[in-house]
Amino acid sequence: MDMLMIVFRASLQVRVHEILRSCGVLAFTEIPETVGTGQSGPAEGISYYPGTNSVILVALEPAQRDQVATAIKEWCAETLKHSVWVKPAIRVFAWPCAQLA
């Protein structure tokens, strides 16, 4: 099993939830209104750095982990085909995990 961490602009929440549902992910933990900075710039929830991020943590078996990662990659790739769309500010990370209790 792997822990998947999805970090994304809070404004993308509806689409991220749609992707998870389409991949059969029914349970996850979401940490809203996180702040930070990255390649797409700061998200600090203040007037000159508006917006915040959200973080989703979900434990998945490898096949479902790959399904979610592929769906997110395809979404990002699709935005590049449209000159007026902006690539989503989203990153996905995974590491091994084991349920202990």
N, C-alpha and C. Protein backbone atom coordinates (compact mmCIF):
# COMPACT_ATOMS: atom_id res chain seq x y z
N MET A 1 0.85 -1.17 0.00
CA MET A 1 0.00 0.00 0.00
C MET A 1 0.89 1.23 0.00
N ASP A 2 0.42 2.31 -0.64
CA ASP A 2 1.15 3.57 -0.69
C ASP A 2 0.28 4.70 -0.17
N MET A 3 0.93 5.68 0.43
CA MET A 3 0.26 6.92 0.81
C MET A 3 0.44 7.89 -0.33
N LEU A 4 -0.66 8.39 -0.83
CA LEU A 4 -0.64 9.38 -1.89
C LEU A 4 -0.93 10.74 -1.25
N MET A 5 -0.11 11.73 -1.57
CA MET A 5 -0.34 13.09 -1.11
C MET A 5 -0.54 13.96 -2.33
N ILE A 6 -1.70 14.58 -2.41
CA ILE A 6 -2.03 15.46 -3.52
C ILE A 6 -2.11 16.88 -2.97
N VAL A 7 -1.25 17.75 -3.47
CA VAL A 7 -1.21 19.14 -3.05
C VAL A 7 -1.70 19.98 -4.23
N PHE A 8 -2.70 20.83 -3.99
CA PHE A 8 -3.30 21.57 -5.10
C PHE A 8 -3.90 22.87 -4.62
N ARG A 9 -4.06 23.82 -5.55
CA ARG A 9 -4.74 25.08 -5.23
C ARG A 9 -6.16 24.74 -4.82
N ALA A 10 -6.63 25.38 -3.77
CA ALA A 10 -7.96 25.10 -3.25
C ALA A 10 -9.04 25.34 -4.31
N SER A 11 -8.79 26.23 -5.24
CA SER A 11 -9.77 26.51 -6.30
C SER A 11 -10.01 25.32 -7.22
N LEU A 12 -9.14 24.31 -7.17
CA LEU A 12 -9.26 23.12 -8.01
C LEU A 12 -9.97 21.97 -7.30
N GLN A 13 -10.49 22.21 -6.10
CA GLN A 13 -11.04 21.14 -5.28
C GLN A 13 -12.12 20.32 -5.98
N VAL A 14 -13.05 20.96 -6.65
CA VAL A 14 -14.14 20.22 -7.29
C VAL A 14 -13.59 19.24 -8.32
N ARG A 15 -12.67 19.68 -9.15
CA ARG A 15 -12.10 18.80 -10.18
C ARG A 15 -11.28 17.67 -9.56
N VAL A 16 -10.52 17.96 -8.53
CA VAL A 16 -9.73 16.92 -7.87
C VAL A 16 -10.65 15.87 -7.26
N HIS A 17 -11.72 16.31 -6.63
CA HIS A 17 -12.69 15.36 -6.06
C HIS A 17 -13.35 14.52 -7.16
N GLU A 18 -13.65 15.14 -8.30
CA GLU A 18 -14.22 14.40 -9.43
C GLU A 18 -13.26 13.31 -9.90
N ILE A 19 -11.99 13.64 -10.00
CA ILE A 19 -10.99 12.65 -10.43
C ILE A 19 -10.92 11.50 -9.44
N LEU A 20 -10.89 11.82 -8.16
CA LEU A 20 -10.84 10.75 -7.15
C LEU A 20 -12.05 9.85 -7.24
N ARG A 21 -13.24 10.44 -7.36
CA ARG A 21 -14.47 9.63 -7.49
C ARG A 21 -14.42 8.76 -8.74
N SER A 22 -13.94 9.33 -9.85
CA SER A 22 -13.89 8.56 -11.11
C SER A 22 -12.93 7.39 -11.01
N CYS A 23 -11.97 7.48 -10.09
CA CYS A 23 -11.00 6.40 -9.87
C CYS A 23 -11.44 5.46 -8.75
N GLY A 24 -12.63 5.68 -8.23
CA GLY A 24 -13.15 4.80 -7.19
C GLY A 24 -12.63 5.08 -5.80
N VAL A 25 -12.03 6.23 -5.61
CA VAL A 25 -11.54 6.62 -4.27
C VAL A 25 -12.70 7.23 -3.51
N LEU A 26 -13.12 6.55 -2.47
CA LEU A 26 -14.29 6.99 -1.70
C LEU A 26 -13.93 7.54 -0.32
N ALA A 27 -12.71 7.31 0.13
CA ALA A 27 -12.30 7.76 1.46
C ALA A 27 -10.91 8.38 1.39
N PHE A 28 -10.78 9.56 1.98
CA PHE A 28 -9.51 10.25 2.02
C PHE A 28 -9.56 11.29 3.12
N THR A 29 -8.42 11.84 3.46
CA THR A 29 -8.34 12.93 4.42
C THR A 29 -7.91 14.17 3.66
N GLU A 30 -8.63 15.27 3.87
CA GLU A 30 -8.29 16.53 3.21
C GLU A 30 -7.96 17.58 4.27
N ILE A 31 -6.86 18.26 4.05
CA ILE A 31 -6.45 19.35 4.92
C ILE A 31 -6.61 20.64 4.11
N PRO A 32 -7.66 21.41 4.39
CA PRO A 32 -7.90 22.62 3.60
C PRO A 32 -7.09 23.81 4.09
N GLU A 33 -7.03 24.81 3.24
CA GLU A 33 -6.43 26.10 3.58
C GLU A 33 -5.00 26.01 4.08
N THR A 34 -4.20 25.21 3.40
CA THR A 34 -2.77 25.16 3.72
C THR A 34 -2.07 26.26 2.93
N VAL A 35 -0.93 26.69 3.40
CA VAL A 35 -0.20 27.75 2.73
C VAL A 35 1.19 27.24 2.37
N GLY A 36 1.79 27.91 1.42
CA GLY A 36 3.13 27.53 0.99
C GLY A 36 3.51 28.23 -0.29
N THR A 37 4.62 27.81 -0.86
CA THR A 37 5.06 28.38 -2.12
C THR A 37 5.73 27.27 -2.93
N GLY A 38 5.63 27.38 -4.22
CA GLY A 38 6.21 26.37 -5.10
C GLY A 38 6.44 26.93 -6.48
N GLN A 39 6.50 26.05 -7.47
CA GLN A 39 6.77 26.47 -8.84
C GLN A 39 5.71 27.41 -9.38
N SER A 40 4.47 27.25 -8.92
CA SER A 40 3.41 28.13 -9.42
C SER A 40 3.25 29.38 -8.57
N GLY A 41 4.16 29.59 -7.62
CA GLY A 41 4.14 30.79 -6.81
C GLY A 41 3.56 30.55 -5.43
N PRO A 42 3.52 31.61 -4.62
CA PRO A 42 3.03 31.48 -3.26
C PRO A 42 1.51 31.36 -3.19
N ALA A 43 1.05 30.67 -2.19
CA ALA A 43 -0.37 30.58 -1.85
C ALA A 43 -0.44 30.76 -0.35
N GLU A 44 -0.65 31.98 0.07
CA GLU A 44 -0.57 32.27 1.49
C GLU A 44 -1.84 32.84 2.07
N GLY A 45 -2.89 32.98 1.24
CA GLY A 45 -4.18 33.43 1.75
C GLY A 45 -4.20 34.86 2.21
N ILE A 46 -3.27 35.68 1.71
CA ILE A 46 -3.26 37.10 2.07
C ILE A 46 -3.42 37.92 0.79
N SER A 47 -3.71 39.19 0.92
CA SER A 47 -4.11 40.00 -0.23
C SER A 47 -3.10 40.00 -1.38
N TYR A 48 -1.82 40.04 -1.09
CA TYR A 48 -0.85 40.09 -2.20
C TYR A 48 -0.37 38.71 -2.62
N TYR A 49 -0.71 37.65 -1.88
CA TYR A 49 -0.51 36.26 -2.29
C TYR A 49 -1.82 35.52 -2.04
N PRO A 50 -2.82 35.81 -2.88
CA PRO A 50 -4.14 35.25 -2.61
C PRO A 50 -4.19 33.74 -2.82
N GLY A 51 -5.24 33.15 -2.29
CA GLY A 51 -5.46 31.73 -2.47
C GLY A 51 -4.72 30.89 -1.45
N THR A 52 -5.19 29.68 -1.32
CA THR A 52 -4.55 28.71 -0.44
C THR A 52 -4.47 27.39 -1.18
N ASN A 53 -3.78 26.45 -0.59
CA ASN A 53 -3.71 25.10 -1.12
C ASN A 53 -4.58 24.19 -0.27
N SER A 54 -4.80 23.01 -0.77
CA SER A 54 -5.38 21.92 0.00
C SER A 54 -4.46 20.72 -0.17
N VAL A 55 -4.49 19.83 0.81
CA VAL A 55 -3.69 18.62 0.76
C VAL A 55 -4.62 17.44 1.02
N ILE A 56 -4.56 16.46 0.14
CA ILE A 56 -5.32 15.23 0.32
C ILE A 56 -4.34 14.10 0.58
N LEU A 57 -4.61 13.33 1.61
CA LEU A 57 -3.85 12.12 1.93
C LEU A 57 -4.78 10.93 1.75
N VAL A 58 -4.30 9.92 1.03
CA VAL A 58 -5.12 8.73 0.81
C VAL A 58 -4.21 7.52 0.65
N ALA A 59 -4.53 6.45 1.37
CA ALA A 59 -3.77 5.20 1.27
C ALA A 59 -4.43 4.34 0.19
N LEU A 60 -3.61 3.92 -0.79
CA LEU A 60 -4.14 3.16 -1.93
C LEU A 60 -3.23 1.99 -2.27
N GLU A 61 -3.85 0.97 -2.83
CA GLU A 61 -3.08 -0.12 -3.40
C GLU A 61 -2.42 0.38 -4.68
N PRO A 62 -1.33 -0.25 -5.13
CA PRO A 62 -0.58 0.27 -6.28
C PRO A 62 -1.42 0.50 -7.54
N ALA A 63 -2.33 -0.37 -7.86
CA ALA A 63 -3.12 -0.21 -9.09
C ALA A 63 -3.98 1.05 -9.03
N GLN A 64 -4.62 1.27 -7.88
CA GLN A 64 -5.47 2.46 -7.75
C GLN A 64 -4.62 3.72 -7.64
N ARG A 65 -3.47 3.62 -6.98
CA ARG A 65 -2.53 4.75 -6.91
C ARG A 65 -2.15 5.18 -8.32
N ASP A 66 -1.80 4.22 -9.15
CA ASP A 66 -1.41 4.52 -10.53
C ASP A 66 -2.56 5.10 -11.33
N GLN A 67 -3.77 4.61 -11.08
CA GLN A 67 -4.95 5.12 -11.77
C GLN A 67 -5.17 6.60 -11.45
N VAL A 68 -5.06 6.95 -10.19
CA VAL A 68 -5.22 8.35 -9.78
C VAL A 68 -4.11 9.21 -10.39
N ALA A 69 -2.87 8.76 -10.29
CA ALA A 69 -1.75 9.53 -10.84
C ALA A 69 -1.90 9.74 -12.34
N THR A 70 -2.32 8.70 -13.04
CA THR A 70 -2.53 8.81 -14.49
C THR A 70 -3.63 9.79 -14.82
N ALA A 71 -4.73 9.74 -14.09
CA ALA A 71 -5.85 10.66 -14.33
C ALA A 71 -5.43 12.11 -14.13
N ILE A 72 -4.64 12.36 -13.10
CA ILE A 72 -4.17 13.73 -12.85
C ILE A 72 -3.20 14.17 -13.94
N LYS A 73 -2.29 13.28 -14.34
CA LYS A 73 -1.35 13.61 -15.43
C LYS A 73 -2.11 13.90 -16.72
N GLU A 74 -3.13 13.12 -17.03
CA GLU A 74 -3.91 13.34 -18.24
C GLU A 74 -4.65 14.68 -18.19
N TRP A 75 -5.17 15.03 -17.03
CA TRP A 75 -5.83 16.32 -16.86
C TRP A 75 -4.85 17.46 -17.14
N CYS A 76 -3.66 17.37 -16.56
CA CYS A 76 -2.64 18.40 -16.79
C CYS A 76 -2.24 18.47 -18.26
N ALA A 77 -2.08 17.32 -18.89
CA ALA A 77 -1.70 17.29 -20.30
C ALA A 77 -2.80 17.88 -21.18
N GLU A 78 -4.04 17.64 -20.82
CA GLU A 78 -5.17 18.17 -21.59
C GLU A 78 -5.16 19.70 -21.59
N THR A 79 -4.79 20.30 -20.47
CA THR A 79 -4.79 21.76 -20.40
C THR A 79 -3.76 22.37 -21.36
N LEU A 80 -2.70 21.64 -21.64
CA LEU A 80 -1.68 22.16 -22.56
C LEU A 80 -2.17 22.24 -24.00
N LYS A 81 -3.24 21.53 -24.31
CA LYS A 81 -3.80 21.54 -25.66
C LYS A 81 -4.67 22.77 -25.92
N HIS A 82 -4.97 23.52 -24.88
CA HIS A 82 -5.85 24.68 -24.99
C HIS A 82 -5.07 25.93 -24.61
N SER A 83 -4.91 26.83 -25.56
CA SER A 83 -4.05 27.99 -25.34
C SER A 83 -4.55 28.91 -24.24
N VAL A 84 -5.83 28.91 -23.96
CA VAL A 84 -6.35 29.82 -22.94
C VAL A 84 -6.46 29.17 -21.55
N TRP A 85 -6.24 27.87 -21.47
CA TRP A 85 -6.29 27.18 -20.17
C TRP A 85 -4.96 27.33 -19.45
N VAL A 86 -5.01 27.29 -18.16
CA VAL A 86 -3.80 27.35 -17.33
C VAL A 86 -3.56 25.96 -16.75
N LYS A 87 -2.30 25.52 -16.81
CA LYS A 87 -1.96 24.21 -16.23
C LYS A 87 -2.31 24.22 -14.75
N PRO A 88 -3.02 23.21 -14.27
CA PRO A 88 -3.41 23.17 -12.86
C PRO A 88 -2.20 23.17 -11.93
N ALA A 89 -2.32 23.92 -10.84
CA ALA A 89 -1.29 23.95 -9.80
C ALA A 89 -1.55 22.75 -8.89
N ILE A 90 -0.93 21.63 -9.23
CA ILE A 90 -1.15 20.39 -8.51
C ILE A 90 0.11 19.54 -8.55
N ARG A 91 0.40 18.87 -7.45
CA ARG A 91 1.53 17.95 -7.38
C ARG A 91 1.06 16.70 -6.66
N VAL A 92 1.61 15.56 -7.06
CA VAL A 92 1.23 14.28 -6.46
C VAL A 92 2.51 13.57 -6.02
N PHE A 93 2.51 13.07 -4.79
CA PHE A 93 3.64 12.35 -4.22
C PHE A 93 3.14 11.05 -3.64
N ALA A 94 4.03 10.05 -3.58
CA ALA A 94 3.65 8.76 -3.00
C ALA A 94 4.83 8.18 -2.24
N TRP A 95 4.51 7.45 -1.19
CA TRP A 95 5.53 6.72 -0.44
C TRP A 95 4.87 5.50 0.18
N PRO A 96 5.65 4.46 0.47
CA PRO A 96 5.10 3.24 1.05
C PRO A 96 4.49 3.51 2.43
N CYS A 97 3.41 2.82 2.72
CA CYS A 97 2.81 2.93 4.05
C CYS A 97 2.19 1.60 4.46
N ALA A 98 2.01 1.45 5.74
CA ALA A 98 1.37 0.26 6.28
C ALA A 98 0.42 0.68 7.39
N GLN A 99 -0.77 0.11 7.40
CA GLN A 99 -1.72 0.41 8.48
C GLN A 99 -1.30 -0.37 9.72
N LEU A 100 -1.14 0.33 10.83
CA LEU A 100 -0.64 -0.28 12.05
C LEU A 100 -1.73 -0.56 13.07
N ALA A 101 -2.84 0.11 12.98
CA ALA A 101 -3.92 -0.12 13.94
C ALA A 101 -5.27 0.01 13.27
